[in-house]
Amino acid sequence: MIAHIIATLRIVIGTIGLYFGYNYLFGNNLEAALDTITITAVGIVALLSFTGHLIFHRSDARRLGWESDKPYYQYEVGFAHLTFALIAFFTYFGNWGLAPKVLTILGYTIYLLQIGILYTWRSFSEHRVFSRYFLRHAILTLAYVGLMFYFIAQVMKTAQLEVF
């Protein structure tokens, strides 16, 4: 039950963060856009994910259908999320500038892309493509990833940053 509440909070906070981040971005306030996405869609969302995977690992494993008597996978994923949350908080509160925030958001987005691919692969391999699991986990994760990648692309274009 608690895992569902945490997952819902992640979706709500991430969606609100993306909404305001895009709003600032299209309003030509690049710094506010980056700050908003860094603190909400990465920092708070990743911290909530850490909490769900580590502290409430049993409930979260049940929610994902990955129940196990050994929660090491849950711990590993939880600590990965904690790492991104801390990096987001450091770059936000430390006023490190534009590039570290872009890299923080990009790194977390790439990490979430891998999770979305895993959910998609699992849905296809278990013949659950037309299921609630596929919609809630694979599709929502990949939609979030798409919005984050598009945001980063627009930020990099506006700030005239190049990948290479």
C-alpha atoms as a PDB file:
ATOM      1  CA  MET A   1       0.000   0.000   0.000  1.00  0.00           C
ATOM      2  CA  ILE A   2       2.713   2.483   0.962  1.00  0.00           C
ATOM      3  CA  ALA A   3       4.591   1.704  -2.260  1.00  0.00           C
ATOM      4  CA  HIS A   4       1.536   2.736  -4.283  1.00  0.00           C
ATOM      5  CA  ILE A   5       1.358   6.021  -2.380  1.00  0.00           C
ATOM      6  CA  ILE A   6       5.058   6.702  -2.983  1.00  0.00           C
ATOM      7  CA  ALA A   7       4.729   5.781  -6.670  1.00  0.00           C
ATOM      8  CA  THR A   8       1.741   8.116  -7.011  1.00  0.00           C
ATOM      9  CA  LEU A   9       3.650  10.926  -5.298  1.00  0.00           C
ATOM     10  CA  ARG A  10       6.546  10.401  -7.709  1.00  0.00           C
ATOM     11  CA  ILE A  11       4.226  10.669 -10.697  1.00  0.00           C
ATOM     12  CA  VAL A  12       2.459  13.757  -9.332  1.00  0.00           C
ATOM     13  CA  ILE A  13       5.653  15.593  -8.327  1.00  0.00           C
ATOM     14  CA  GLY A  14       7.438  14.643 -11.544  1.00  0.00           C
ATOM     15  CA  THR A  15       4.473  15.799 -13.643  1.00  0.00           C
ATOM     16  CA  ILE A  16       4.162  19.089 -11.772  1.00  0.00           C
ATOM     17  CA  GLY A  17       7.919  19.627 -12.081  1.00  0.00           C
ATOM     18  CA  LEU A  18       7.838  18.954 -15.819  1.00  0.00           C
ATOM     19  CA  TYR A  19       4.858  21.259 -16.282  1.00  0.00           C
ATOM     20  CA  PHE A  20       6.522  24.195 -14.533  1.00  0.00           C
ATOM     21  CA  GLY A  21       9.930  23.402 -16.011  1.00  0.00           C
ATOM     22  CA  TYR A  22       8.516  23.522 -19.535  1.00  0.00           C
ATOM     23  CA  ASN A  23       6.532  26.632 -18.631  1.00  0.00           C
ATOM     24  CA  TYR A  24       9.718  28.418 -17.540  1.00  0.00           C
ATOM     25  CA  LEU A  25      11.639  27.098 -20.525  1.00  0.00           C
ATOM     26  CA  PHE A  26       9.111  28.360 -23.075  1.00  0.00           C
ATOM     27  CA  GLY A  27       8.892  31.614 -21.103  1.00  0.00           C
ATOM     28  CA  ASN A  28      12.627  32.066 -21.766  1.00  0.00           C
ATOM     29  CA  ASN A  29      13.681  31.580 -18.154  1.00  0.00           C
ATOM     30  CA  LEU A  30      16.317  28.886 -18.624  1.00  0.00           C
ATOM     31  CA  GLU A  31      17.711  29.019 -15.084  1.00  0.00           C
ATOM     32  CA  ALA A  32      14.293  28.633 -13.451  1.00  0.00           C
ATOM     33  CA  ALA A  33      13.444  25.803 -15.863  1.00  0.00           C
ATOM     34  CA  LEU A  34      16.617  23.898 -14.988  1.00  0.00           C
ATOM     35  CA  ASP A  35      16.203  24.533 -11.263  1.00  0.00           C
ATOM     36  CA  THR A  36      12.612  23.311 -11.327  1.00  0.00           C
ATOM     37  CA  ILE A  37      13.384  20.075 -13.164  1.00  0.00           C
ATOM     38  CA  THR A  38      16.558  19.444 -11.149  1.00  0.00           C
ATOM     39  CA  ILE A  39      14.852  19.753  -7.762  1.00  0.00           C
ATOM     40  CA  THR A  40      11.506  18.120  -8.598  1.00  0.00           C
ATOM     41  CA  ALA A  41      11.708  15.713 -11.550  1.00  0.00           C
ATOM     42  CA  VAL A  42      15.131  14.454 -10.474  1.00  0.00           C
ATOM     43  CA  GLY A  43      15.827  15.325  -6.824  1.00  0.00           C
ATOM     44  CA  ILE A  44      12.490  14.720  -5.119  1.00  0.00           C
ATOM     45  CA  VAL A  45      11.385  11.943  -7.498  1.00  0.00           C
ATOM     46  CA  ALA A  46      14.697  10.093  -7.001  1.00  0.00           C
ATOM     47  CA  LEU A  47      14.533  10.568  -3.214  1.00  0.00           C
ATOM     48  CA  LEU A  48      11.015   9.127  -3.165  1.00  0.00           C
ATOM     49  CA  SER A  49      12.193   6.227  -5.329  1.00  0.00           C
ATOM     50  CA  PHE A  50      15.037   5.569  -2.888  1.00  0.00           C
ATOM     51  CA  THR A  51      12.557   5.550  -0.009  1.00  0.00           C
ATOM     52  CA  GLY A  52      10.231   3.137  -1.790  1.00  0.00           C
ATOM     53  CA  HIS A  53      12.943   0.747  -2.918  1.00  0.00           C
ATOM     54  CA  LEU A  54      14.968   0.681   0.292  1.00  0.00           C
ATOM     55  CA  ILE A  55      12.733   1.404   3.272  1.00  0.00           C
ATOM     56  CA  PHE A  56       9.512  -0.069   1.887  1.00  0.00           C
ATOM     57  CA  HIS A  57      11.187  -2.712  -0.277  1.00  0.00           C
ATOM     58  CA  ARG A  58       8.671  -5.472   0.439  1.00  0.00           C
ATOM     59  CA  SER A  59       5.691  -3.351  -0.537  1.00  0.00           C
ATOM     60  CA  ASP A  60       7.526  -1.995  -3.576  1.00  0.00           C
ATOM     61  CA  ALA A  61       8.579  -5.468  -4.750  1.00  0.00           C
ATOM     62  CA  ARG A  62       4.963  -6.613  -4.457  1.00  0.00           C
ATOM     63  CA  ARG A  63       3.841  -3.555  -6.455  1.00  0.00           C
ATOM     64  CA  LEU A  64       6.330  -4.401  -9.209  1.00  0.00           C
ATOM     65  CA  GLY A  65       5.646  -8.133  -9.116  1.00  0.00           C
ATOM     66  CA  TRP A  66       9.269  -8.866  -8.188  1.00  0.00           C
ATOM     67  CA  GLU A  67       8.795 -10.359  -4.769  1.00  0.00           C
ATOM     68  CA  SER A  68      11.820 -11.994  -3.270  1.00  0.00           C
ATOM     69  CA  ASP A  69      13.056 -13.016   0.138  1.00  0.00           C
ATOM     70  CA  LYS A  70      16.347 -11.299  -0.740  1.00  0.00           C
ATOM     71  CA  PRO A  71      15.817  -7.587  -1.439  1.00  0.00           C
ATOM     72  CA  TYR A  72      19.322  -6.879  -2.750  1.00  0.00           C
ATOM     73  CA  TYR A  73      18.015  -5.764  -6.125  1.00  0.00           C
ATOM     74  CA  GLN A  74      15.652  -3.334  -4.393  1.00  0.00           C
ATOM     75  CA  TYR A  75      18.542  -1.970  -2.336  1.00  0.00           C
ATOM     76  CA  GLU A  76      20.763  -1.568  -5.383  1.00  0.00           C
ATOM     77  CA  VAL A  77      18.089   0.341  -7.294  1.00  0.00           C
ATOM     78  CA  GLY A  78      17.282   2.407  -4.212  1.00  0.00           C
ATOM     79  CA  PHE A  79      20.891   3.493  -3.784  1.00  0.00           C
ATOM     80  CA  ALA A  80      21.159   4.380  -7.477  1.00  0.00           C
ATOM     81  CA  HIS A  81      18.150   6.672  -7.054  1.00  0.00           C
ATOM     82  CA  LEU A  82      19.669   8.143  -3.890  1.00  0.00           C
ATOM     83  CA  THR A  83      22.841   8.942  -5.823  1.00  0.00           C
ATOM     84  CA  PHE A  84      20.894  10.936  -8.410  1.00  0.00           C
ATOM     85  CA  ALA A  85      18.858  12.663  -5.691  1.00  0.00           C
ATOM     86  CA  LEU A  86      22.016  13.789  -3.886  1.00  0.00           C
ATOM     87  CA  ILE A  87      23.658  14.974  -7.103  1.00  0.00           C
ATOM     88  CA  ALA A  88      20.488  16.947  -7.955  1.00  0.00           C
ATOM     89  CA  PHE A  89      20.452  18.557  -4.499  1.00  0.00           C
ATOM     90  CA  PHE A  90      24.183  19.375  -4.673  1.00  0.00           C
ATOM     91  CA  THR A  91      23.886  21.006  -8.085  1.00  0.00           C
ATOM     92  CA  TYR A  92      20.729  22.900  -7.104  1.00  0.00           C
ATOM     93  CA  PHE A  93      21.772  24.175  -3.675  1.00  0.00           C
ATOM     94  CA  GLY A  94      25.438  24.532  -4.595  1.00  0.00           C
ATOM     95  CA  ASN A  95      24.727  26.899  -7.488  1.00  0.00           C
ATOM     96  CA  TRP A  96      27.154  24.968  -9.669  1.00  0.00           C
ATOM     97  CA  GLY A  97      25.790  26.426 -12.851  1.00  0.00           C
ATOM     98  CA  LEU A  98      24.086  25.261 -15.988  1.00  0.00           C
ATOM     99  CA  ALA A  99      26.205  22.335 -17.226  1.00  0.00           C
ATOM    100  CA  PRO A 100      26.108  20.249 -13.998  1.00  0.00           C
ATOM    101  CA  LYS A 101      22.315  20.580 -13.864  1.00  0.00           C
ATOM    102  CA  VAL A 102      22.033  19.509 -17.496  1.00  0.00           C
ATOM    103  CA  LEU A 103      24.268  16.497 -16.833  1.00  0.00           C
ATOM    104  CA  THR A 104      22.295  15.586 -13.701  1.00  0.00           C
ATOM    105  CA  ILE A 105      19.014  15.610 -15.601  1.00  0.00           C
ATOM    106  CA  LEU A 106      20.546  13.805 -18.578  1.00  0.00           C
ATOM    107  CA  GLY A 107      22.130  11.134 -16.382  1.00  0.00           C
ATOM    108  CA  TYR A 108      18.888  10.446 -14.515  1.00  0.00           C
ATOM    109  CA  THR A 109      16.969  10.358 -17.794  1.00  0.00           C
ATOM    110  CA  ILE A 110      19.356   7.781 -19.255  1.00  0.00           C
ATOM    111  CA  TYR A 111      19.018   5.721 -16.075  1.00  0.00           C
ATOM    112  CA  LEU A 112      15.211   5.874 -16.308  1.00  0.00           C
ATOM    113  CA  LEU A 113      15.378   4.916 -19.992  1.00  0.00           C
ATOM    114  CA  GLN A 114      17.103   1.692 -18.987  1.00  0.00           C
ATOM    115  CA  ILE A 115      14.366   1.030 -16.424  1.00  0.00           C
ATOM    116  CA  GLY A 116      11.685   1.710 -19.050  1.00  0.00           C
ATOM    117  CA  ILE A 117      13.368  -0.708 -21.448  1.00  0.00           C
ATOM    118  CA  LEU A 118      13.509  -3.347 -18.697  1.00  0.00           C
ATOM    119  CA  TYR A 119       9.772  -2.917 -17.964  1.00  0.00           C
ATOM    120  CA  THR A 120       8.997  -3.134 -21.679  1.00  0.00           C
ATOM    121  CA  TRP A 121      11.157  -6.232 -22.148  1.00  0.00           C
ATOM    122  CA  ARG A 122       9.503  -7.863 -19.136  1.00  0.00           C
ATOM    123  CA  SER A 123       6.033  -7.043 -20.477  1.00  0.00           C
ATOM    124  CA  PHE A 124       6.802  -8.625 -23.851  1.00  0.00           C
ATOM    125  CA  SER A 125       8.634 -11.653 -22.448  1.00  0.00           C
ATOM    126  CA  GLU A 126       5.784 -12.407 -20.035  1.00  0.00           C
ATOM    127  CA  HIS A 127       3.122 -11.688 -22.685  1.00  0.00           C
ATOM    128  CA  ARG A 128       1.745  -8.792 -20.645  1.00  0.00           C
ATOM    129  CA  VAL A 129       1.769  -6.145 -23.370  1.00  0.00           C
ATOM    130  CA  PHE A 130      -1.940  -5.429 -23.043  1.00  0.00           C
ATOM    131  CA  SER A 131      -1.869  -5.204 -19.283  1.00  0.00           C
ATOM    132  CA  ARG A 132      -2.032  -2.640 -16.531  1.00  0.00           C
ATOM    133  CA  TYR A 133       1.594  -3.451 -15.718  1.00  0.00           C
ATOM    134  CA  PHE A 134       2.736  -2.462 -19.216  1.00  0.00           C
ATOM    135  CA  LEU A 135       0.758   0.780 -19.119  1.00  0.00           C
ATOM    136  CA  ARG A 136       1.706   1.811 -15.586  1.00  0.00           C
ATOM    137  CA  HIS A 137       5.353   0.848 -15.666  1.00  0.00           C
ATOM    138  CA  ALA A 138       6.686   0.690 -19.214  1.00  0.00           C
ATOM    139  CA  ILE A 139       4.579   3.309 -20.987  1.00  0.00           C
ATOM    140  CA  LEU A 140       4.531   5.876 -18.168  1.00  0.00           C
ATOM    141  CA  THR A 141       8.267   5.518 -17.593  1.00  0.00           C
ATOM    142  CA  LEU A 142       9.066   5.868 -21.286  1.00  0.00           C
ATOM    143  CA  ALA A 143       6.730   8.876 -21.625  1.00  0.00           C
ATOM    144  CA  TYR A 144       8.497  10.544 -18.688  1.00  0.00           C
ATOM    145  CA  VAL A 145      11.858   9.756 -20.287  1.00  0.00           C
ATOM    146  CA  GLY A 146      10.716  11.227 -23.602  1.00  0.00           C
ATOM    147  CA  LEU A 147       9.620  14.456 -21.928  1.00  0.00           C
ATOM    148  CA  MET A 148      12.897  14.671 -20.022  1.00  0.00           C
ATOM    149  CA  PHE A 149      14.994  14.061 -23.174  1.00  0.00           C
ATOM    150  CA  TYR A 150      13.028  16.687 -25.073  1.00  0.00           C
ATOM    151  CA  PHE A 151      13.492  19.147 -22.198  1.00  0.00           C
ATOM    152  CA  ILE A 152      17.250  18.563 -22.155  1.00  0.00           C
ATOM    153  CA  ALA A 153      17.466  18.918 -25.943  1.00  0.00           C
ATOM    154  CA  GLN A 154      15.627  22.247 -25.773  1.00  0.00           C
ATOM    155  CA  VAL A 155      17.807  23.478 -22.900  1.00  0.00           C
ATOM    156  CA  MET A 156      20.982  22.519 -24.729  1.00  0.00           C
ATOM    157  CA  LYS A 157      19.771  24.206 -27.899  1.00  0.00           C
ATOM    158  CA  THR A 158      18.823  27.384 -26.019  1.00  0.00           C
ATOM    159  CA  ALA A 159      22.079  27.451 -24.046  1.00  0.00           C
ATOM    160  CA  GLN A 160      24.081  26.522 -27.160  1.00  0.00           C
ATOM    161  CA  LEU A 161      25.591  23.474 -25.456  1.00  0.00           C
ATOM    162  CA  GLU A 162      26.895  20.655 -27.609  1.00  0.00           C
ATOM    163  CA  VAL A 163      27.188  16.992 -26.701  1.00  0.00           C
ATOM    164  CA  PHE A 164      30.654  16.666 -28.219  1.00  0.00           C
END
